[in-house]
Amino acid sequence: MATPDFVHTLRASAGKQLLWLPGVSAVVFDDAGRILLGRRSDSGRWAVIAGMPEPGEQPAACAVREVYEETAVRCVVERIVLVRALPPHTYPNGDICQFMDVTVRCRAVDGEARVNDDESLEVGWFAPSAMPDLAAHDRFRVDQALADEPTWFEPA
């Protein structure tokens, strides 16, 4: 994901130390029940669409913006499927981040899926039974979006 300007500003004074940041992930379904995925340019792995909200941006607005920016698909958010603190992640440049992820289930309403920025190598629609290999946290996001259950969170 491209690093937002506000993170560059924080890094100027915080250095590479751990930053606690918000994240939003969008599991987008089309009318046929397929799921929209992008193959990330930074890792080469298939993943759900995700990004960071700008300061003051609501999670649903972030999801809609990120999906469009990365895939040219317009969507609407239907519900929150999980809220979860992810483990810290160290980037190749040494920056350390930890994200509080809000994953939302979305429905596509317009647009043809295509690579729409430099964050993805490919984008595509996949049947839940025929998805490419996903990282465990992305598979969990998809599983929760497929389930007709209350929002998932780590028990206290």
Protein backbone atom coordinates (compact mmCIF):
# COMPACT_ATOMS: atom_id res chain seq x y z
CA MET A 1 0.00 0.00 0.00
CA ALA A 2 1.25 3.47 -0.72
CA THR A 3 2.30 5.30 2.43
CA PRO A 4 -0.03 8.22 3.20
CA ASP A 5 1.45 11.67 3.76
CA PHE A 6 0.42 11.71 7.42
CA VAL A 7 2.56 8.60 8.05
CA HIS A 8 5.58 10.27 6.39
CA THR A 9 5.05 13.21 8.76
CA LEU A 10 4.91 10.88 11.78
CA ARG A 11 7.99 8.98 10.61
CA ALA A 12 9.96 12.25 10.38
CA SER A 13 9.86 12.48 14.18
CA ALA A 14 9.19 8.87 15.24
CA GLY A 15 11.83 7.21 13.11
CA LYS A 16 11.36 3.50 12.46
CA GLN A 17 9.78 2.70 15.84
CA LEU A 18 6.41 0.99 16.09
CA LEU A 19 3.47 3.07 14.86
CA TRP A 20 -0.06 2.03 15.86
CA LEU A 21 -2.26 2.78 12.84
CA PRO A 22 -5.82 2.24 11.64
CA GLY A 23 -6.45 -0.09 8.71
CA VAL A 24 -9.54 -0.96 6.70
CA SER A 25 -10.00 -4.12 4.64
CA ALA A 26 -12.80 -4.64 2.12
CA VAL A 27 -14.16 -8.04 1.10
CA VAL A 28 -16.11 -7.11 -2.03
CA PHE A 29 -18.73 -9.41 -3.56
CA ASP A 30 -20.32 -9.14 -7.00
CA ASP A 31 -23.84 -10.28 -7.89
CA ALA A 32 -22.53 -13.76 -8.72
CA GLY A 33 -21.03 -14.13 -5.22
CA ARG A 34 -17.44 -13.81 -6.42
CA ILE A 35 -14.84 -11.99 -4.33
CA LEU A 36 -12.61 -9.18 -5.62
CA LEU A 37 -8.90 -9.67 -4.92
CA GLY A 38 -5.75 -7.84 -5.90
CA ARG A 39 -2.26 -9.26 -6.38
CA ARG A 40 -0.11 -6.82 -4.40
CA SER A 41 2.85 -5.18 -6.10
CA ASP A 42 4.89 -5.14 -2.86
CA SER A 43 4.63 -8.87 -2.09
CA GLY A 44 3.24 -10.49 -5.25
CA ARG A 45 0.54 -12.17 -3.12
CA TRP A 46 -3.20 -12.12 -3.69
CA ALA A 47 -5.08 -10.25 -0.98
CA VAL A 48 -8.32 -8.50 -0.13
CA ILE A 49 -8.31 -4.78 -0.86
CA ALA A 50 -7.02 -2.78 2.12
CA GLY A 51 -5.64 0.59 3.09
CA MET A 52 -5.33 3.26 5.73
CA PRO A 53 -7.95 5.91 6.36
CA GLU A 54 -6.79 9.48 6.14
CA PRO A 55 -7.07 11.41 9.42
CA GLY A 56 -10.78 11.91 10.14
CA GLU A 57 -11.94 9.58 7.34
CA GLN A 58 -14.64 7.10 8.34
CA PRO A 59 -13.90 3.35 7.82
CA ALA A 60 -16.72 2.88 5.27
CA ALA A 61 -15.56 5.87 3.23
CA CYS A 62 -12.01 4.53 3.34
CA ALA A 63 -13.14 1.12 2.07
CA VAL A 64 -15.09 2.63 -0.83
CA ARG A 65 -12.16 4.91 -1.74
CA GLU A 66 -9.52 2.16 -1.53
CA VAL A 67 -11.56 -0.29 -3.61
CA TYR A 68 -12.06 2.30 -6.34
CA GLU A 69 -8.45 3.55 -6.26
CA GLU A 70 -7.03 0.06 -6.56
CA THR A 71 -9.58 -1.70 -8.80
CA ALA A 72 -11.90 0.88 -10.51
CA VAL A 73 -14.86 -0.93 -8.92
CA ARG A 74 -17.51 1.12 -7.11
CA CYS A 75 -18.93 -0.54 -4.02
CA VAL A 76 -21.16 0.03 -1.03
CA VAL A 77 -20.38 -1.17 2.47
CA GLU A 78 -22.93 -3.59 3.90
CA ARG A 79 -21.54 -4.37 7.35
CA ILE A 80 -18.49 -4.73 9.57
CA VAL A 81 -17.38 -8.36 9.71
CA LEU A 82 -14.43 -8.13 12.10
CA VAL A 83 -12.33 -5.81 14.19
CA ARG A 84 -8.88 -7.07 15.08
CA ALA A 85 -5.44 -5.90 16.18
CA LEU A 86 -2.92 -7.42 13.79
CA PRO A 87 0.59 -8.39 14.88
CA PRO A 88 3.38 -5.85 14.32
CA HIS A 89 4.87 -5.87 10.82
CA THR A 90 8.39 -4.78 9.87
CA TYR A 91 8.70 -3.42 6.33
CA PRO A 92 11.84 -3.95 4.21
CA ASN A 93 13.01 -0.39 5.03
CA GLY A 94 12.85 -1.18 8.78
CA ASP A 95 9.66 0.75 9.57
CA ILE A 96 7.46 -1.08 12.10
CA CYS A 97 3.67 -0.75 12.07
CA GLN A 98 0.81 -2.45 13.83
CA PHE A 99 -2.70 -2.06 12.48
CA MET A 100 -6.13 -2.09 14.09
CA ASP A 101 -8.02 -3.67 11.19
CA VAL A 102 -11.70 -3.04 10.55
CA THR A 103 -12.86 -5.46 7.86
CA VAL A 104 -16.07 -4.67 6.01
CA ARG A 105 -18.23 -6.68 3.65
CA CYS A 106 -19.02 -4.74 0.47
CA ARG A 107 -21.18 -5.17 -2.62
CA ALA A 108 -19.94 -4.06 -6.03
CA VAL A 109 -22.34 -1.68 -7.75
CA ASP A 110 -20.43 -0.41 -10.82
CA GLY A 111 -17.18 -0.59 -12.74
CA GLU A 112 -15.05 -3.22 -14.42
CA ALA A 113 -12.28 -4.66 -12.27
CA ARG A 114 -8.84 -3.60 -13.49
CA VAL A 115 -5.52 -2.49 -12.09
CA ASN A 116 -6.18 1.17 -11.30
CA ASP A 117 -2.96 2.21 -9.50
CA ASP A 118 0.56 0.97 -8.79
CA GLU A 119 -0.40 -1.03 -5.67
CA SER A 120 -1.61 -4.08 -7.63
CA LEU A 121 -0.13 -6.26 -10.35
CA GLU A 122 -3.48 -7.87 -11.15
CA VAL A 123 -7.05 -7.74 -9.92
CA GLY A 124 -9.79 -10.27 -10.43
CA TRP A 125 -13.01 -11.88 -9.27
CA PHE A 126 -12.84 -15.33 -7.67
CA ALA A 127 -15.47 -17.82 -6.59
CA PRO A 128 -15.08 -18.59 -2.88
CA SER A 129 -14.27 -22.20 -3.80
CA ALA A 130 -11.60 -21.21 -6.36
CA MET A 131 -9.56 -18.46 -4.74
CA PRO A 132 -5.78 -18.26 -5.03
CA ASP A 133 -3.61 -18.92 -1.99
CA LEU A 134 -4.20 -16.16 0.58
CA ALA A 135 -2.31 -15.24 3.74
CA ALA A 136 -4.08 -16.60 6.84
CA HIS A 137 -5.33 -13.16 7.92
CA ASP A 138 -6.89 -12.56 4.49
CA ARG A 139 -8.47 -16.01 4.44
CA PHE A 140 -9.95 -15.25 7.88
CA ARG A 141 -11.36 -11.94 6.59
CA VAL A 142 -13.01 -13.74 3.67
CA ASP A 143 -14.39 -16.50 5.91
CA GLN A 144 -15.93 -13.92 8.25
CA ALA A 145 -17.44 -12.01 5.31
CA LEU A 146 -19.00 -15.23 4.01
CA ALA A 147 -20.46 -16.09 7.42
CA ASP A 148 -23.84 -14.69 8.39
CA GLU A 149 -22.72 -13.95 11.93
CA PRO A 150 -22.28 -10.96 14.23
CA THR A 151 -19.09 -8.92 13.95
CA TRP A 152 -16.09 -10.98 15.07
CA PHE A 153 -13.61 -9.66 17.63
CA GLU A 154 -10.98 -11.24 19.86
CA PRO A 155 -12.67 -12.08 23.18
CA ALA A 156 -11.48 -10.08 26.22
